[in-house]
C-alpha atoms as a PDB file:
ATOM      1  CA  MET A   1       9.758 -13.069 -15.988  1.00  0.00           C
ATOM      2  CA  PRO A   2       6.354 -14.952 -15.343  1.00  0.00           C
ATOM      3  CA  VAL A   3       4.541 -12.030 -13.971  1.00  0.00           C
ATOM      4  CA  GLU A   4       2.708  -9.132 -15.410  1.00  0.00           C
ATOM      5  CA  LEU A   5       1.249  -6.113 -13.578  1.00  0.00           C
ATOM      6  CA  ARG A   6      -1.225  -3.536 -14.579  1.00  0.00           C
ATOM      7  CA  LEU A   7      -1.991  -0.514 -12.263  1.00  0.00           C
ATOM      8  CA  ILE A   8      -5.581   0.613 -12.353  1.00  0.00           C
ATOM      9  CA  PRO A   9      -6.660   4.121 -11.237  1.00  0.00           C
ATOM     10  CA  CYS A  10      -9.908   4.023  -9.476  1.00  0.00           C
ATOM     11  CA  LEU A  11     -12.480   6.338  -7.668  1.00  0.00           C
ATOM     12  CA  ALA A  12     -10.857   9.895  -7.105  1.00  0.00           C
ATOM     13  CA  ASP A  13      -7.364   8.701  -6.038  1.00  0.00           C
ATOM     14  CA  ASN A  14      -7.510   4.862  -5.533  1.00  0.00           C
ATOM     15  CA  TYR A  15      -5.419   2.189  -7.230  1.00  0.00           C
ATOM     16  CA  ALA A  16      -6.230  -1.578  -7.836  1.00  0.00           C
ATOM     17  CA  VAL A  17      -3.418  -3.750  -9.257  1.00  0.00           C
ATOM     18  CA  LEU A  18      -3.760  -6.709 -11.645  1.00  0.00           C
ATOM     19  CA  LEU A  19      -1.023  -9.408 -10.889  1.00  0.00           C
ATOM     20  CA  ARG A  20      -0.830 -12.216 -13.675  1.00  0.00           C
ATOM     21  CA  ASP A  21       1.032 -15.436 -13.821  1.00  0.00           C
ATOM     22  CA  THR A  22       1.914 -15.581 -17.412  1.00  0.00           C
ATOM     23  CA  VAL A  23       2.580 -19.417 -17.336  1.00  0.00           C
ATOM     24  CA  THR A  24      -0.821 -20.454 -15.887  1.00  0.00           C
ATOM     25  CA  GLU A  25      -2.682 -17.473 -16.675  1.00  0.00           C
ATOM     26  CA  ALA A  26      -3.934 -16.912 -13.242  1.00  0.00           C
ATOM     27  CA  THR A  27      -4.808 -13.203 -12.531  1.00  0.00           C
ATOM     28  CA  ALA A  28      -5.544 -11.632  -9.196  1.00  0.00           C
ATOM     29  CA  VAL A  29      -6.540  -8.013  -8.650  1.00  0.00           C
ATOM     30  CA  VAL A  30      -5.351  -6.348  -5.468  1.00  0.00           C
ATOM     31  CA  ASP A  31      -8.229  -4.561  -3.932  1.00  0.00           C
ATOM     32  CA  ALA A  32     -11.456  -3.693  -5.748  1.00  0.00           C
ATOM     33  CA  PRO A  33     -12.427  -0.014  -5.269  1.00  0.00           C
ATOM     34  CA  GLU A  34     -14.943  -0.057  -8.187  1.00  0.00           C
ATOM     35  CA  VAL A  35     -15.830  -2.424 -10.801  1.00  0.00           C
ATOM     36  CA  ALA A  36     -15.891  -0.601 -14.060  1.00  0.00           C
ATOM     37  CA  PRO A  37     -12.011   0.209 -14.510  1.00  0.00           C
ATOM     38  CA  ILE A  38     -10.789  -3.243 -13.234  1.00  0.00           C
ATOM     39  CA  LEU A  39     -13.453  -4.788 -15.736  1.00  0.00           C
ATOM     40  CA  ALA A  40     -12.136  -2.445 -18.594  1.00  0.00           C
ATOM     41  CA  ALA A  41      -8.480  -3.545 -17.896  1.00  0.00           C
ATOM     42  CA  LEU A  42      -9.407  -7.046 -17.857  1.00  0.00           C
ATOM     43  CA  GLU A  43     -11.398  -6.738 -21.207  1.00  0.00           C
ATOM     44  CA  ARG A  44      -8.568  -4.756 -22.680  1.00  0.00           C
ATOM     45  CA  GLU A  45      -5.920  -7.508 -21.842  1.00  0.00           C
ATOM     46  CA  ASN A  46      -8.343 -10.379 -22.330  1.00  0.00           C
ATOM     47  CA  TRP A  47      -7.587 -11.722 -19.220  1.00  0.00           C
ATOM     48  CA  ASP A  48      -9.970 -13.664 -16.847  1.00  0.00           C
ATOM     49  CA  LEU A  49     -10.039 -12.771 -13.030  1.00  0.00           C
ATOM     50  CA  THR A  50      -9.270 -15.910 -10.751  1.00  0.00           C
ATOM     51  CA  HIS A  51      -8.464 -14.096  -7.459  1.00  0.00           C
ATOM     52  CA  ILE A  52      -9.299 -11.023  -5.418  1.00  0.00           C
ATOM     53  CA  LEU A  53      -6.723 -10.109  -2.672  1.00  0.00           C
ATOM     54  CA  VAL A  54      -8.256  -7.749  -0.112  1.00  0.00           C
ATOM     55  CA  THR A  55      -5.990  -5.809   2.226  1.00  0.00           C
ATOM     56  CA  HIS A  56      -8.567  -4.414   4.535  1.00  0.00           C
ATOM     57  CA  HIS A  57     -12.299  -3.601   4.979  1.00  0.00           C
ATOM     58  CA  HIS A  58     -12.763   0.025   3.937  1.00  0.00           C
ATOM     59  CA  ALA A  59     -15.257   0.489   1.213  1.00  0.00           C
ATOM     60  CA  ASP A  60     -12.774   2.140  -1.248  1.00  0.00           C
ATOM     61  CA  HIS A  61     -11.105  -1.072  -1.317  1.00  0.00           C
ATOM     62  CA  THR A  62     -13.944  -3.654  -1.369  1.00  0.00           C
ATOM     63  CA  ALA A  63     -16.921  -1.971  -3.176  1.00  0.00           C
ATOM     64  CA  GLY A  64     -16.232  -3.844  -6.243  1.00  0.00           C
ATOM     65  CA  VAL A  65     -15.476  -7.446  -4.681  1.00  0.00           C
ATOM     66  CA  GLU A  66     -18.861  -9.047  -4.754  1.00  0.00           C
ATOM     67  CA  ALA A  67     -19.654  -7.968  -8.483  1.00  0.00           C
ATOM     68  CA  LEU A  68     -16.350  -9.019  -9.790  1.00  0.00           C
ATOM     69  CA  LYS A  69     -16.641 -12.406  -7.876  1.00  0.00           C
ATOM     70  CA  ALA A  70     -20.055 -12.849  -9.410  1.00  0.00           C
ATOM     71  CA  ARG A  71     -18.894 -12.281 -12.936  1.00  0.00           C
ATOM     72  CA  PHE A  72     -15.770 -14.228 -12.910  1.00  0.00           C
ATOM     73  CA  GLY A  73     -16.037 -16.701 -10.042  1.00  0.00           C
ATOM     74  CA  ALA A  74     -12.959 -15.503  -8.662  1.00  0.00           C
ATOM     75  CA  THR A  75     -11.626 -16.578  -5.217  1.00  0.00           C
ATOM     76  CA  VAL A  76     -11.586 -13.777  -2.572  1.00  0.00           C
ATOM     77  CA  ILE A  77      -8.910 -13.945   0.041  1.00  0.00           C
ATOM     78  CA  GLY A  78      -8.665 -11.424   2.825  1.00  0.00           C
ATOM     79  CA  PRO A  79      -7.874 -10.857   6.506  1.00  0.00           C
ATOM     80  CA  LYS A  80      -9.426 -13.047   8.955  1.00  0.00           C
ATOM     81  CA  ALA A  81      -9.657 -10.379  11.465  1.00  0.00           C
ATOM     82  CA  GLU A  82     -11.969  -8.545   9.331  1.00  0.00           C
ATOM     83  CA  ARG A  83     -13.765 -11.288   7.975  1.00  0.00           C
ATOM     84  CA  ASP A  84     -17.098 -10.079   9.404  1.00  0.00           C
ATOM     85  CA  ALA A  85     -16.551  -6.824   7.596  1.00  0.00           C
ATOM     86  CA  ILE A  86     -15.734  -7.848   4.109  1.00  0.00           C
ATOM     87  CA  ALA A  87     -18.442  -9.712   1.903  1.00  0.00           C
ATOM     88  CA  GLY A  88     -17.692 -12.490  -0.433  1.00  0.00           C
ATOM     89  CA  LEU A  89     -14.694 -13.771   1.311  1.00  0.00           C
ATOM     90  CA  ASP A  90     -13.698 -17.517   0.247  1.00  0.00           C
ATOM     91  CA  PHE A  91     -10.645 -17.704   2.406  1.00  0.00           C
ATOM     92  CA  THR A  92      -9.240 -15.736   5.401  1.00  0.00           C
ATOM     93  CA  VAL A  93      -5.611 -15.527   6.090  1.00  0.00           C
ATOM     94  CA  VAL A  94      -3.346 -14.543   8.942  1.00  0.00           C
ATOM     95  CA  ASP A  95       0.300 -13.531   9.303  1.00  0.00           C
ATOM     96  CA  GLY A  96       2.701 -15.908   7.555  1.00  0.00           C
ATOM     97  CA  ASP A  97      -0.135 -17.518   5.601  1.00  0.00           C
ATOM     98  CA  PRO A  98       0.895 -18.385   1.758  1.00  0.00           C
ATOM     99  CA  VAL A  99      -1.215 -16.859  -0.947  1.00  0.00           C
ATOM    100  CA  ALA A 100      -0.973 -18.516  -4.404  1.00  0.00           C
ATOM    101  CA  VAL A 101      -1.845 -16.944  -7.591  1.00  0.00           C
ATOM    102  CA  GLY A 102      -1.016 -19.713 -10.167  1.00  0.00           C
ATOM    103  CA  GLY A 103       2.631 -20.292  -9.578  1.00  0.00           C
ATOM    104  CA  LEU A 104       3.213 -16.888  -7.935  1.00  0.00           C
ATOM    105  CA  VAL A 105       3.371 -17.620  -4.241  1.00  0.00           C
ATOM    106  CA  GLY A 106       3.359 -14.766  -1.727  1.00  0.00           C
ATOM    107  CA  ARG A 107       2.702 -14.557   1.918  1.00  0.00           C
ATOM    108  CA  VAL A 108       0.740 -12.420   4.326  1.00  0.00           C
ATOM    109  CA  LEU A 109       2.093  -9.870   6.586  1.00  0.00           C
ATOM    110  CA  GLU A 110      -0.320  -8.511   9.289  1.00  0.00           C
ATOM    111  CA  THR A 111       0.169  -4.573   9.454  1.00  0.00           C
ATOM    112  CA  PRO A 112      -2.331  -3.314  11.751  1.00  0.00           C
ATOM    113  CA  GLY A 113      -2.842   0.369  12.360  1.00  0.00           C
ATOM    114  CA  HIS A 114      -4.911   1.802   9.606  1.00  0.00           C
ATOM    115  CA  THR A 115      -7.424  -0.957  10.439  1.00  0.00           C
ATOM    116  CA  LYS A 116      -7.025  -3.560  13.247  1.00  0.00           C
ATOM    117  CA  GLY A 117      -6.839  -6.341  10.671  1.00  0.00           C
ATOM    118  CA  HIS A 118      -5.053  -4.790   7.791  1.00  0.00           C
ATOM    119  CA  ILE A 119      -2.719  -7.051   5.880  1.00  0.00           C
ATOM    120  CA  VAL A 120      -0.266  -6.804   2.922  1.00  0.00           C
ATOM    121  CA  PHE A 121       0.818  -9.262   0.309  1.00  0.00           C
ATOM    122  CA  LEU A 122       4.412  -9.846  -0.208  1.00  0.00           C
ATOM    123  CA  PHE A 123       5.616 -11.729  -3.105  1.00  0.00           C
ATOM    124  CA  GLU A 124       9.407 -12.134  -2.327  1.00  0.00           C
ATOM    125  CA  ASP A 125      10.510 -14.006  -5.564  1.00  0.00           C
ATOM    126  CA  GLU A 126       8.899 -11.471  -7.705  1.00  0.00           C
ATOM    127  CA  ARG A 127      10.078  -8.620  -5.420  1.00  0.00           C
ATOM    128  CA  LEU A 128       6.640  -7.148  -5.155  1.00  0.00           C
ATOM    129  CA  LEU A 129       4.779  -5.756  -1.963  1.00  0.00           C
ATOM    130  CA  PHE A 130       1.116  -4.826  -2.083  1.00  0.00           C
ATOM    131  CA  SER A 131       0.842  -2.541   0.888  1.00  0.00           C
ATOM    132  CA  GLY A 132      -2.801  -1.437   0.710  1.00  0.00           C
ATOM    133  CA  ASP A 133      -3.200   1.653   3.136  1.00  0.00           C
ATOM    134  CA  THR A 134      -0.293   0.894   5.434  1.00  0.00           C
ATOM    135  CA  LEU A 135       2.661   2.297   3.552  1.00  0.00           C
ATOM    136  CA  PHE A 136       2.224   4.979   0.869  1.00  0.00           C
ATOM    137  CA  VAL A 137       4.740   6.716  -1.436  1.00  0.00           C
ATOM    138  CA  MET A 138       6.379   9.158   1.248  1.00  0.00           C
ATOM    139  CA  GLY A 139       3.645   8.596   3.657  1.00  0.00           C
ATOM    140  CA  CYS A 140       1.379   6.162   5.405  1.00  0.00           C
ATOM    141  CA  GLY A 141      -2.261   5.673   6.286  1.00  0.00           C
ATOM    142  CA  ARG A 142      -4.069   7.153   9.113  1.00  0.00           C
ATOM    143  CA  PRO A 143      -4.242   4.904  12.105  1.00  0.00           C
ATOM    144  CA  PHE A 144      -8.117   4.824  12.318  1.00  0.00           C
ATOM    145  CA  GLU A 145      -8.637   1.768  14.535  1.00  0.00           C
ATOM    146  CA  CYS A 146      -5.420   1.551  16.525  1.00  0.00           C
ATOM    147  CA  PRO A 147      -3.241   3.725  18.508  1.00  0.00           C
ATOM    148  CA  PRO A 148      -0.397   5.316  16.125  1.00  0.00           C
ATOM    149  CA  PRO A 149       2.378   3.427  17.747  1.00  0.00           C
ATOM    150  CA  VAL A 150       0.913   0.161  16.483  1.00  0.00           C
ATOM    151  CA  LEU A 151       1.061   1.435  12.846  1.00  0.00           C
ATOM    152  CA  TRP A 152       4.669   2.508  13.522  1.00  0.00           C
ATOM    153  CA  GLU A 153       5.642  -1.207  14.581  1.00  0.00           C
ATOM    154  CA  SER A 154       3.759  -2.220  11.301  1.00  0.00           C
ATOM    155  CA  LEU A 155       5.958   0.219   9.341  1.00  0.00           C
ATOM    156  CA  LEU A 156       9.066  -1.218  11.012  1.00  0.00           C
ATOM    157  CA  ARG A 157       8.391  -4.543   9.524  1.00  0.00           C
ATOM    158  CA  LEU A 158       8.103  -3.428   6.015  1.00  0.00           C
ATOM    159  CA  ARG A 159      11.149  -1.016   6.468  1.00  0.00           C
ATOM    160  CA  ALA A 160      13.130  -4.322   7.459  1.00  0.00           C
ATOM    161  CA  LEU A 161      12.396  -5.751   3.798  1.00  0.00           C
ATOM    162  CA  PRO A 162      14.989  -5.744   1.106  1.00  0.00           C
ATOM    163  CA  ASP A 163      15.515  -2.316  -0.619  1.00  0.00           C
ATOM    164  CA  ASP A 164      14.853  -3.736  -4.125  1.00  0.00           C
ATOM    165  CA  ILE A 165      11.190  -4.807  -3.065  1.00  0.00           C
ATOM    166  CA  SER A 166       8.850  -2.710  -5.416  1.00  0.00           C
ATOM    167  CA  VAL A 167       5.894  -1.324  -3.623  1.00  0.00           C
ATOM    168  CA  TYR A 168       2.254  -0.721  -4.985  1.00  0.00           C
ATOM    169  CA  CYS A 169       0.032   0.954  -2.537  1.00  0.00           C
ATOM    170  CA  GLY A 170      -3.661   1.841  -2.412  1.00  0.00           C
ATOM    171  CA  HIS A 171      -3.632   5.622  -3.129  1.00  0.00           C
ATOM    172  CA  GLU A 172      -2.066   8.458  -5.234  1.00  0.00           C
ATOM    173  CA  TYR A 173      -1.274  10.747  -2.347  1.00  0.00           C
ATOM    174  CA  THR A 174       2.244  11.085  -3.353  1.00  0.00           C
ATOM    175  CA  LEU A 175       2.556  14.923  -4.020  1.00  0.00           C
ATOM    176  CA  SER A 176       1.102  15.922  -0.778  1.00  0.00           C
ATOM    177  CA  ASN A 177       3.104  13.305   0.928  1.00  0.00           C
ATOM    178  CA  ALA A 178       6.252  14.748  -0.633  1.00  0.00           C
ATOM    179  CA  ARG A 179       5.357  18.232   0.235  1.00  0.00           C
ATOM    180  CA  PHE A 180       4.664  17.278   3.954  1.00  0.00           C
ATOM    181  CA  ALA A 181       7.867  15.306   3.993  1.00  0.00           C
ATOM    182  CA  MET A 182      10.029  18.364   2.773  1.00  0.00           C
ATOM    183  CA  SER A 183       8.362  20.500   5.723  1.00  0.00           C
ATOM    184  CA  VAL A 184       9.706  18.124   8.184  1.00  0.00           C
ATOM    185  CA  ASP A 185      12.865  16.850   6.558  1.00  0.00           C
ATOM    186  CA  PRO A 186      14.069  20.085   4.392  1.00  0.00           C
ATOM    187  CA  ASP A 187      17.710  19.203   4.207  1.00  0.00           C
ATOM    188  CA  ASN A 188      17.155  15.765   2.582  1.00  0.00           C
ATOM    189  CA  ALA A 189      18.561  15.980  -0.728  1.00  0.00           C
ATOM    190  CA  ALA A 190      17.058  12.755  -1.956  1.00  0.00           C
ATOM    191  CA  LEU A 191      13.594  14.180  -0.841  1.00  0.00           C
ATOM    192  CA  ALA A 192      14.145  17.159  -2.743  1.00  0.00           C
ATOM    193  CA  ALA A 193      14.905  15.453  -6.081  1.00  0.00           C
ATOM    194  CA  ARG A 194      11.969  13.130  -5.548  1.00  0.00           C
ATOM    195  CA  LEU A 195       9.635  16.032  -4.880  1.00  0.00           C
ATOM    196  CA  GLU A 196      10.751  17.569  -8.218  1.00  0.00           C
ATOM    197  CA  GLU A 197      10.261  14.322 -10.148  1.00  0.00           C
ATOM    198  CA  VAL A 198       6.900  13.792  -8.494  1.00  0.00           C
ATOM    199  CA  GLU A 199       5.632  17.266  -9.474  1.00  0.00           C
ATOM    200  CA  GLY A 200       6.695  16.435 -12.904  1.00  0.00           C
ATOM    201  CA  LEU A 201       4.744  12.962 -13.038  1.00  0.00           C
ATOM    202  CA  ARG A 202       1.592  14.566 -11.636  1.00  0.00           C
ATOM    203  CA  ALA A 203       1.558  17.506 -13.841  1.00  0.00           C
ATOM    204  CA  ALA A 204       1.544  14.995 -16.759  1.00  0.00           C
ATOM    205  CA  GLY A 205      -1.144  12.836 -15.256  1.00  0.00           C
ATOM    206  CA  THR A 206       1.280  10.019 -14.784  1.00  0.00           C
ATOM    207  CA  PRO A 207       0.999   7.607 -11.622  1.00  0.00           C
ATOM    208  CA  THR A 208       3.878   7.817  -9.026  1.00  0.00           C
ATOM    209  CA  LEU A 209       3.881   4.182  -8.438  1.00  0.00           C
ATOM    210  CA  PRO A 210       5.639   1.882  -7.812  1.00  0.00           C
ATOM    211  CA  THR A 211       7.986   3.072  -5.157  1.00  0.00           C
ATOM    212  CA  SER A 212      10.662   0.813  -3.491  1.00  0.00           C
ATOM    213  CA  ILE A 213      11.382   0.002   0.117  1.00  0.00           C
ATOM    214  CA  GLY A 214      14.914   1.580  -0.537  1.00  0.00           C
ATOM    215  CA  ALA A 215      13.244   4.882  -1.956  1.00  0.00           C
ATOM    216  CA  GLU A 216      11.176   4.878   0.997  1.00  0.00           C
ATOM    217  CA  LYS A 217      13.727   4.496   3.601  1.00  0.00           C
ATOM    218  CA  ALA A 218      15.571   7.592   2.251  1.00  0.00           C
ATOM    219  CA  THR A 219      12.609   9.754   1.788  1.00  0.00           C
ATOM    220  CA  ASN A 220       9.514   8.799   4.151  1.00  0.00           C
ATOM    221  CA  PRO A 221       9.629  10.611   7.247  1.00  0.00           C
ATOM    222  CA  PHE A 222       7.121   8.025   8.794  1.00  0.00           C
ATOM    223  CA  LEU A 223       9.894   5.335   8.273  1.00  0.00           C
ATOM    224  CA  LYS A 224      12.209   7.664  10.342  1.00  0.00           C
ATOM    225  CA  ALA A 225      10.607   8.143  13.610  1.00  0.00           C
ATOM    226  CA  ASP A 226      13.618   6.625  15.143  1.00  0.00           C
ATOM    227  CA  ASP A 227      15.928   9.439  13.707  1.00  0.00           C
ATOM    228  CA  PRO A 228      17.225  11.481  16.361  1.00  0.00           C
ATOM    229  CA  GLU A 229      17.694  14.491  13.902  1.00  0.00           C
ATOM    230  CA  LEU A 230      13.978  14.243  12.752  1.00  0.00           C
ATOM    231  CA  ALA A 231      12.755  14.024  16.270  1.00  0.00           C
ATOM    232  CA  ALA A 232      14.531  17.139  17.380  1.00  0.00           C
ATOM    233  CA  ARG A 233      13.269  19.084  14.162  1.00  0.00           C
ATOM    234  CA  ILE A 234       9.799  18.372  15.307  1.00  0.00           C
ATOM    235  CA  GLY A 235      10.551  19.368  19.025  1.00  0.00           C
ATOM    236  CA  LEU A 236      10.709  15.901  20.423  1.00  0.00           C
ATOM    237  CA  ALA A 237      14.417  15.442  20.903  1.00  0.00           C
ATOM    238  CA  GLY A 238      15.144  12.131  22.868  1.00  0.00           C
ATOM    239  CA  ALA A 239      11.485  11.156  22.495  1.00  0.00           C
ATOM    240  CA  ASP A 240      10.245   7.565  22.126  1.00  0.00           C
ATOM    241  CA  PRO A 241       9.904   6.816  18.467  1.00  0.00           C
ATOM    242  CA  GLY A 242       6.264   5.855  19.037  1.00  0.00           C
ATOM    243  CA  ALA A 243       5.677   9.372  20.397  1.00  0.00           C
ATOM    244  CA  VAL A 244       7.518  10.854  17.514  1.00  0.00           C
ATOM    245  CA  PHE A 245       5.540   8.918  14.830  1.00  0.00           C
ATOM    246  CA  THR A 246       2.390   9.900  16.574  1.00  0.00           C
ATOM    247  CA  GLU A 247       3.282  13.713  16.267  1.00  0.00           C
ATOM    248  CA  LEU A 248       4.414  13.276  12.587  1.00  0.00           C
ATOM    249  CA  ARG A 249       1.146  11.682  11.977  1.00  0.00           C
ATOM    250  CA  ASN A 250      -0.770  14.457  13.677  1.00  0.00           C
ATOM    251  CA  LEU A 251       1.483  17.116  11.802  1.00  0.00           C
ATOM    252  CA  LYS A 252       0.377  15.491   8.520  1.00  0.00           C
ATOM    253  CA  ASN A 253      -3.291  15.363   9.463  1.00  0.00           C
ATOM    254  CA  ASN A 254      -3.226  19.210   9.760  1.00  0.00           C
ATOM    255  CA  PHE A 255      -0.790  19.741   6.760  1.00  0.00           C
ATOM    256  CA  ARG A 256      -2.225  22.197   4.192  1.00  0.00           C
ATOM    257  CA  GLY A 257       0.775  22.534   1.879  1.00  0.00           C
END
């Protein structure tokens, strides 16, 4: 395949991802939480950074953008709706716009919820989704700038993608997410097996990414707000999925497991 990926831990629990077209040698980083680890990865691989893809304006995803742009002359692409909040943008994009990294051509999906202008990058031919803080492994972002049902609708867009799409998200929240998921979906055998796997990975200091759309559909409670059994389990039998999602998000916010 003409694509190579490098997962880069940043800050306390963030991830950046390098996406490289091996034919043209174009190389993008998806989000830039901090400069040093991204620069170290580029130097280790002897790659030049040509693009910076930004999912949303939060500082833990953008703090390294300007320095990396200055060093490499990289083209910075991010959401049009957040252009005033992201320094260094060269091009802004909206839903459906193509994004090319050499010969790798993805498209933008707008997924408001965590922020009003949040976007994700889908590279269908490569079976890759870079989901930022919209979809996590067995979790989702907090809806800081929109009502929770807006985020639910965004997650439905991602749930509708093919099961074999690999997902790279912006944070290592997986162990906490898995434990919460078990608290609301305790009879889910796939979830129980996944929790055991995640505990082993984290004990070894190993990242839990990537996940896949199929794995998330099976184990992520935030993709199951329209499941009547899950709704009943949290005391909302017959409720609208948006209300169920809102309650799930509230429960996770207060979860201490």
